[in-house]
C-alpha atoms as a PDB file:
ATOM      1  CA  UNK A   1     -15.552  -2.969 -65.260  1.00  0.00           C
ATOM      2  CA  UNK A   2     -19.183  -2.157 -64.677  1.00  0.00           C
ATOM      3  CA  UNK A   3     -20.245   1.358 -63.864  1.00  0.00           C
ATOM      4  CA  UNK A   4     -22.422   1.807 -60.799  1.00  0.00           C
ATOM      5  CA  UNK A   5     -26.041   2.776 -61.170  1.00  0.00           C
ATOM      6  CA  UNK A   6     -25.337   6.122 -59.567  1.00  0.00           C
ATOM      7  CA  UNK A   7     -22.625   6.924 -62.114  1.00  0.00           C
ATOM      8  CA  UNK A   8     -24.936   5.841 -64.963  1.00  0.00           C
ATOM      9  CA  UNK A   9     -27.703   8.163 -63.725  1.00  0.00           C
ATOM     10  CA  UNK A  10     -25.219  11.049 -63.438  1.00  0.00           C
ATOM     11  CA  UNK A  11     -23.992  10.464 -67.030  1.00  0.00           C
ATOM     12  CA  UNK A  12     -27.523  10.286 -68.338  1.00  0.00           C
ATOM     13  CA  UNK A  13     -28.377  13.564 -66.614  1.00  0.00           C
ATOM     14  CA  UNK A  14     -31.228  12.060 -64.638  1.00  0.00           C
ATOM     15  CA  UNK A  15     -29.561  12.912 -61.263  1.00  0.00           C
ATOM     16  CA  UNK A  16     -27.354  15.764 -60.149  1.00  0.00           C
ATOM     17  CA  UNK A  17     -24.058  15.605 -58.267  1.00  0.00           C
ATOM     18  CA  UNK A  18     -25.757  17.239 -55.276  1.00  0.00           C
ATOM     19  CA  UNK A  19     -28.408  14.508 -55.100  1.00  0.00           C
ATOM     20  CA  UNK A  20     -25.743  11.794 -55.289  1.00  0.00           C
ATOM     21  CA  UNK A  21     -23.748  13.310 -52.409  1.00  0.00           C
ATOM     22  CA  UNK A  22     -26.938  13.593 -50.334  1.00  0.00           C
ATOM     23  CA  UNK A  23     -27.692   9.895 -50.846  1.00  0.00           C
ATOM     24  CA  UNK A  24     -24.106   8.928 -49.871  1.00  0.00           C
ATOM     25  CA  UNK A  25     -24.330  11.010 -46.675  1.00  0.00           C
ATOM     26  CA  UNK A  26     -27.646   9.407 -45.681  1.00  0.00           C
ATOM     27  CA  UNK A  27     -26.217   5.951 -46.339  1.00  0.00           C
ATOM     28  CA  UNK A  28     -23.192   6.679 -44.074  1.00  0.00           C
ATOM     29  CA  UNK A  29     -25.437   8.008 -41.299  1.00  0.00           C
ATOM     30  CA  UNK A  30     -27.677   4.967 -41.414  1.00  0.00           C
ATOM     31  CA  UNK A  31     -24.647   2.659 -41.065  1.00  0.00           C
ATOM     32  CA  UNK A  32     -23.474   4.516 -37.954  1.00  0.00           C
ATOM     33  CA  UNK A  33     -26.825   4.303 -36.195  1.00  0.00           C
ATOM     34  CA  UNK A  34     -27.610   1.015 -34.450  1.00  0.00           C
ATOM     35  CA  UNK A  35     -30.574  -0.794 -35.825  1.00  0.00           C
ATOM     36  CA  UNK A  36     -33.214   1.028 -33.782  1.00  0.00           C
ATOM     37  CA  UNK A  37     -32.003  -0.254 -30.398  1.00  0.00           C
ATOM     38  CA  UNK A  38     -34.512   0.755 -27.804  1.00  0.00           C
ATOM     39  CA  UNK A  39     -33.161   2.479 -24.721  1.00  0.00           C
ATOM     40  CA  UNK A  40     -34.838   1.051 -21.649  1.00  0.00           C
ATOM     41  CA  UNK A  41     -36.826   3.640 -19.781  1.00  0.00           C
ATOM     42  CA  UNK A  42     -35.998   3.632 -16.072  1.00  0.00           C
ATOM     43  CA  UNK A  43     -38.377   4.749 -13.404  1.00  0.00           C
ATOM     44  CA  UNK A  44     -37.493   7.466 -10.911  1.00  0.00           C
ATOM     45  CA  UNK A  45     -36.951   4.894  -8.148  1.00  0.00           C
ATOM     46  CA  UNK A  46     -34.500   2.920 -10.302  1.00  0.00           C
ATOM     47  CA  UNK A  47     -32.631   6.084 -11.263  1.00  0.00           C
ATOM     48  CA  UNK A  48     -32.407   7.153  -7.606  1.00  0.00           C
ATOM     49  CA  UNK A  49     -31.220   3.677  -6.575  1.00  0.00           C
ATOM     50  CA  UNK A  50     -28.520   3.769  -9.246  1.00  0.00           C
ATOM     51  CA  UNK A  51     -27.403   7.223  -8.073  1.00  0.00           C
ATOM     52  CA  UNK A  52     -27.293   6.058  -4.448  1.00  0.00           C
ATOM     53  CA  UNK A  53     -25.284   2.954  -5.366  1.00  0.00           C
ATOM     54  CA  UNK A  54     -22.778   5.065  -7.315  1.00  0.00           C
ATOM     55  CA  UNK A  55     -22.518   7.524  -4.436  1.00  0.00           C
ATOM     56  CA  UNK A  56     -21.811   4.750  -1.913  1.00  0.00           C
ATOM     57  CA  UNK A  57     -19.184   3.183  -4.222  1.00  0.00           C
ATOM     58  CA  UNK A  58     -17.500   6.571  -4.601  1.00  0.00           C
ATOM     59  CA  UNK A  59     -17.509   7.144  -0.837  1.00  0.00           C
ATOM     60  CA  UNK A  60     -15.986   3.714  -0.194  1.00  0.00           C
ATOM     61  CA  UNK A  61     -13.332   4.356  -2.828  1.00  0.00           C
ATOM     62  CA  UNK A  62     -12.489   7.699  -1.208  1.00  0.00           C
ATOM     63  CA  UNK A  63     -12.225   6.039   2.228  1.00  0.00           C
ATOM     64  CA  UNK A  64      -9.892   3.385   0.810  1.00  0.00           C
ATOM     65  CA  UNK A  65      -7.717   6.027  -0.827  1.00  0.00           C
ATOM     66  CA  UNK A  66      -7.582   8.057   2.378  1.00  0.00           C
ATOM     67  CA  UNK A  67      -6.598   4.970   4.406  1.00  0.00           C
ATOM     68  CA  UNK A  68      -3.816   4.159   1.941  1.00  0.00           C
ATOM     69  CA  UNK A  69      -2.604   7.766   2.062  1.00  0.00           C
ATOM     70  CA  UNK A  70      -2.568   7.692   5.896  1.00  0.00           C
ATOM     71  CA  UNK A  71      -0.668   4.379   5.867  1.00  0.00           C
ATOM     72  CA  UNK A  72       2.008   5.779   3.559  1.00  0.00           C
ATOM     73  CA  UNK A  73       2.280   8.930   5.707  1.00  0.00           C
ATOM     74  CA  UNK A  74       2.741   6.837   8.880  1.00  0.00           C
ATOM     75  CA  UNK A  75       5.438   4.760   7.175  1.00  0.00           C
ATOM     76  CA  UNK A  76       7.239   7.902   6.018  1.00  0.00           C
ATOM     77  CA  UNK A  77       7.105   9.433   9.511  1.00  0.00           C
ATOM     78  CA  UNK A  78       8.380   6.214  11.124  1.00  0.00           C
ATOM     79  CA  UNK A  79      11.210   5.974   8.587  1.00  0.00           C
ATOM     80  CA  UNK A  80      12.164   9.573   9.278  1.00  0.00           C
ATOM     81  CA  UNK A  81      12.235   8.934  13.039  1.00  0.00           C
ATOM     82  CA  UNK A  82      14.457   5.894  12.513  1.00  0.00           C
ATOM     83  CA  UNK A  83      16.874   7.896  10.376  1.00  0.00           C
ATOM     84  CA  UNK A  84      16.940  10.728  12.886  1.00  0.00           C
ATOM     85  CA  UNK A  85      17.482   8.678  16.071  1.00  0.00           C
ATOM     86  CA  UNK A  86      19.418   5.678  14.779  1.00  0.00           C
ATOM     87  CA  UNK A  87      22.381   4.608  16.910  1.00  0.00           C
ATOM     88  CA  UNK A  88      25.130   3.592  14.534  1.00  0.00           C
ATOM     89  CA  UNK A  89      26.863   0.257  14.946  1.00  0.00           C
ATOM     90  CA  UNK A  90      30.617   0.583  14.915  1.00  0.00           C
ATOM     91  CA  UNK A  91      33.158  -1.621  13.191  1.00  0.00           C
ATOM     92  CA  UNK A  92      34.223  -3.139  16.509  1.00  0.00           C
ATOM     93  CA  UNK A  93      30.733  -4.588  17.053  1.00  0.00           C
ATOM     94  CA  UNK A  94      31.661  -8.236  17.463  1.00  0.00           C
ATOM     95  CA  UNK A  95      29.003  -9.526  19.840  1.00  0.00           C
ATOM     96  CA  UNK A  96      26.108 -11.308  18.230  1.00  0.00           C
ATOM     97  CA  UNK A  97      22.738 -10.205  19.600  1.00  0.00           C
ATOM     98  CA  UNK A  98      19.788 -12.492  18.793  1.00  0.00           C
ATOM     99  CA  UNK A  99      16.193 -11.302  18.601  1.00  0.00           C
ATOM    100  CA  UNK A 100      12.923 -12.723  17.332  1.00  0.00           C
ATOM    101  CA  UNK A 101      11.317 -11.254  14.255  1.00  0.00           C
ATOM    102  CA  UNK A 102       7.938 -12.814  13.694  1.00  0.00           C
ATOM    103  CA  UNK A 103       8.566 -16.531  13.996  1.00  0.00           C
ATOM    104  CA  UNK A 104      12.241 -16.297  13.047  1.00  0.00           C
ATOM    105  CA  UNK A 105      15.335 -15.736  15.141  1.00  0.00           C
ATOM    106  CA  UNK A 106      17.510 -13.026  13.654  1.00  0.00           C
ATOM    107  CA  UNK A 107      20.801 -11.594  14.838  1.00  0.00           C
ATOM    108  CA  UNK A 108      22.890  -8.440  14.552  1.00  0.00           C
ATOM    109  CA  UNK A 109      26.389  -7.609  15.721  1.00  0.00           C
ATOM    110  CA  UNK A 110      26.662  -5.001  18.471  1.00  0.00           C
ATOM    111  CA  UNK A 111      29.172  -3.727  20.998  1.00  0.00           C
ATOM    112  CA  UNK A 112      29.239  -4.933  24.606  1.00  0.00           C
ATOM    113  CA  UNK A 113      27.584  -1.742  25.825  1.00  0.00           C
ATOM    114  CA  UNK A 114      24.822  -1.957  23.192  1.00  0.00           C
ATOM    115  CA  UNK A 115      24.196  -5.616  24.042  1.00  0.00           C
ATOM    116  CA  UNK A 116      23.793  -4.788  27.732  1.00  0.00           C
ATOM    117  CA  UNK A 117      21.456  -1.903  26.973  1.00  0.00           C
ATOM    118  CA  UNK A 118      19.401  -3.989  24.534  1.00  0.00           C
ATOM    119  CA  UNK A 119      19.005  -6.834  27.026  1.00  0.00           C
ATOM    120  CA  UNK A 120      17.981  -4.410  29.811  1.00  0.00           C
ATOM    121  CA  UNK A 121      15.479  -2.667  27.569  1.00  0.00           C
ATOM    122  CA  UNK A 122      17.188   0.733  27.520  1.00  0.00           C
ATOM    123  CA  UNK A 123      17.615   0.399  23.752  1.00  0.00           C
ATOM    124  CA  UNK A 124      15.234  -1.051  21.187  1.00  0.00           C
ATOM    125  CA  UNK A 125      15.369  -2.389  17.660  1.00  0.00           C
ATOM    126  CA  UNK A 126      13.464  -1.110  14.654  1.00  0.00           C
ATOM    127  CA  UNK A 127      12.921  -3.476  11.728  1.00  0.00           C
ATOM    128  CA  UNK A 128      11.147  -1.700   8.849  1.00  0.00           C
ATOM    129  CA  UNK A 129      12.062  -4.490   6.439  1.00  0.00           C
ATOM    130  CA  UNK A 130      13.172  -8.036   7.058  1.00  0.00           C
ATOM    131  CA  UNK A 131      16.791  -7.390   6.090  1.00  0.00           C
ATOM    132  CA  UNK A 132      17.148  -3.989   7.834  1.00  0.00           C
ATOM    133  CA  UNK A 133      17.654  -3.637  11.592  1.00  0.00           C
ATOM    134  CA  UNK A 134      18.343  -0.384  13.415  1.00  0.00           C
ATOM    135  CA  UNK A 135      19.204   0.308  17.052  1.00  0.00           C
ATOM    136  CA  UNK A 136      17.135   3.169  18.458  1.00  0.00           C
ATOM    137  CA  UNK A 137      16.528   4.774  21.877  1.00  0.00           C
ATOM    138  CA  UNK A 138      13.317   3.854  23.731  1.00  0.00           C
ATOM    139  CA  UNK A 139      11.639   7.254  23.287  1.00  0.00           C
ATOM    140  CA  UNK A 140      12.064   6.967  19.506  1.00  0.00           C
ATOM    141  CA  UNK A 141      10.747   3.392  19.724  1.00  0.00           C
ATOM    142  CA  UNK A 142       7.595   4.689  21.411  1.00  0.00           C
ATOM    143  CA  UNK A 143       7.095   7.278  18.658  1.00  0.00           C
ATOM    144  CA  UNK A 144       7.534   4.615  15.995  1.00  0.00           C
ATOM    145  CA  UNK A 145       5.248   2.187  17.845  1.00  0.00           C
ATOM    146  CA  UNK A 146       2.438   4.740  17.641  1.00  0.00           C
ATOM    147  CA  UNK A 147       2.763   4.840  13.844  1.00  0.00           C
ATOM    148  CA  UNK A 148       3.990   1.342  12.951  1.00  0.00           C
ATOM    149  CA  UNK A 149       3.952  -1.013  15.994  1.00  0.00           C
ATOM    150  CA  UNK A 150       5.086  -4.015  13.930  1.00  0.00           C
ATOM    151  CA  UNK A 151       8.412  -2.299  13.219  1.00  0.00           C
ATOM    152  CA  UNK A 152       9.529  -2.057  16.861  1.00  0.00           C
ATOM    153  CA  UNK A 153      11.185  -4.857  18.809  1.00  0.00           C
ATOM    154  CA  UNK A 154      11.815  -4.094  22.469  1.00  0.00           C
ATOM    155  CA  UNK A 155      13.390  -6.361  25.012  1.00  0.00           C
ATOM    156  CA  UNK A 156      10.726  -7.135  27.562  1.00  0.00           C
ATOM    157  CA  UNK A 157      11.945  -6.654  31.077  1.00  0.00           C
ATOM    158  CA  UNK A 158      11.495  -9.922  32.872  1.00  0.00           C
ATOM    159  CA  UNK A 159       9.037  -9.903  35.709  1.00  0.00           C
ATOM    160  CA  UNK A 160      10.171 -11.848  38.718  1.00  0.00           C
ATOM    161  CA  UNK A 161       7.791 -14.596  39.682  1.00  0.00           C
ATOM    162  CA  UNK A 162       7.322 -15.038  43.423  1.00  0.00           C
ATOM    163  CA  UNK A 163       7.211 -18.825  43.096  1.00  0.00           C
ATOM    164  CA  UNK A 164      10.360 -19.033  40.974  1.00  0.00           C
ATOM    165  CA  UNK A 165      12.978 -21.090  42.869  1.00  0.00           C
ATOM    166  CA  UNK A 166      15.772 -19.616  40.704  1.00  0.00           C
ATOM    167  CA  UNK A 167      14.818 -15.980  41.236  1.00  0.00           C
ATOM    168  CA  UNK A 168      17.819 -15.359  43.470  1.00  0.00           C
ATOM    169  CA  UNK A 169      20.268 -16.525  40.794  1.00  0.00           C
ATOM    170  CA  UNK A 170      21.457 -14.058  38.188  1.00  0.00           C
ATOM    171  CA  UNK A 171      21.915 -14.992  34.556  1.00  0.00           C
ATOM    172  CA  UNK A 172      25.576 -14.817  33.597  1.00  0.00           C
ATOM    173  CA  UNK A 173      26.536 -11.961  31.276  1.00  0.00           C
ATOM    174  CA  UNK A 174      28.398 -14.224  28.886  1.00  0.00           C
ATOM    175  CA  UNK A 175      25.464 -16.599  28.362  1.00  0.00           C
ATOM    176  CA  UNK A 176      24.400 -16.453  24.722  1.00  0.00           C
ATOM    177  CA  UNK A 177      21.279 -18.120  23.388  1.00  0.00           C
END
């Protein structure tokens, strides 16, 4: 195997160990440095524009974070209100009560008293998720509607139309839709 030139010079006594280490260090440093890449010089206006753009991005990011935080807080408060004021459905709830959720017709089983109160509007429904439905009193529904209006389903009391020829007739209690 051939001996490197550096080793040959060291053996011959023409170079010292200190000089060889210095050359190795300079060689390593030159490899780390990019090949004289020029850094573009920016004017004061360009620097200020870049600072302003970064500042506006940071402000927008902070506003987005704050909005997300407020949304999560409203959801947590609404969930807590539902848990606090929920009216439990009993095992004898055998009457099917239909309601609209978005564009779908959903149903839950309630007691006769709960069905009457739901249809009159003295009780409301809270639907935080598509597969969860809770019966709540109207004052709790108002509190939830302030925070998350899409969660609350209230029976709208029918307004009697003066021109309605069937206004005098009552809807039977046993009529199910």
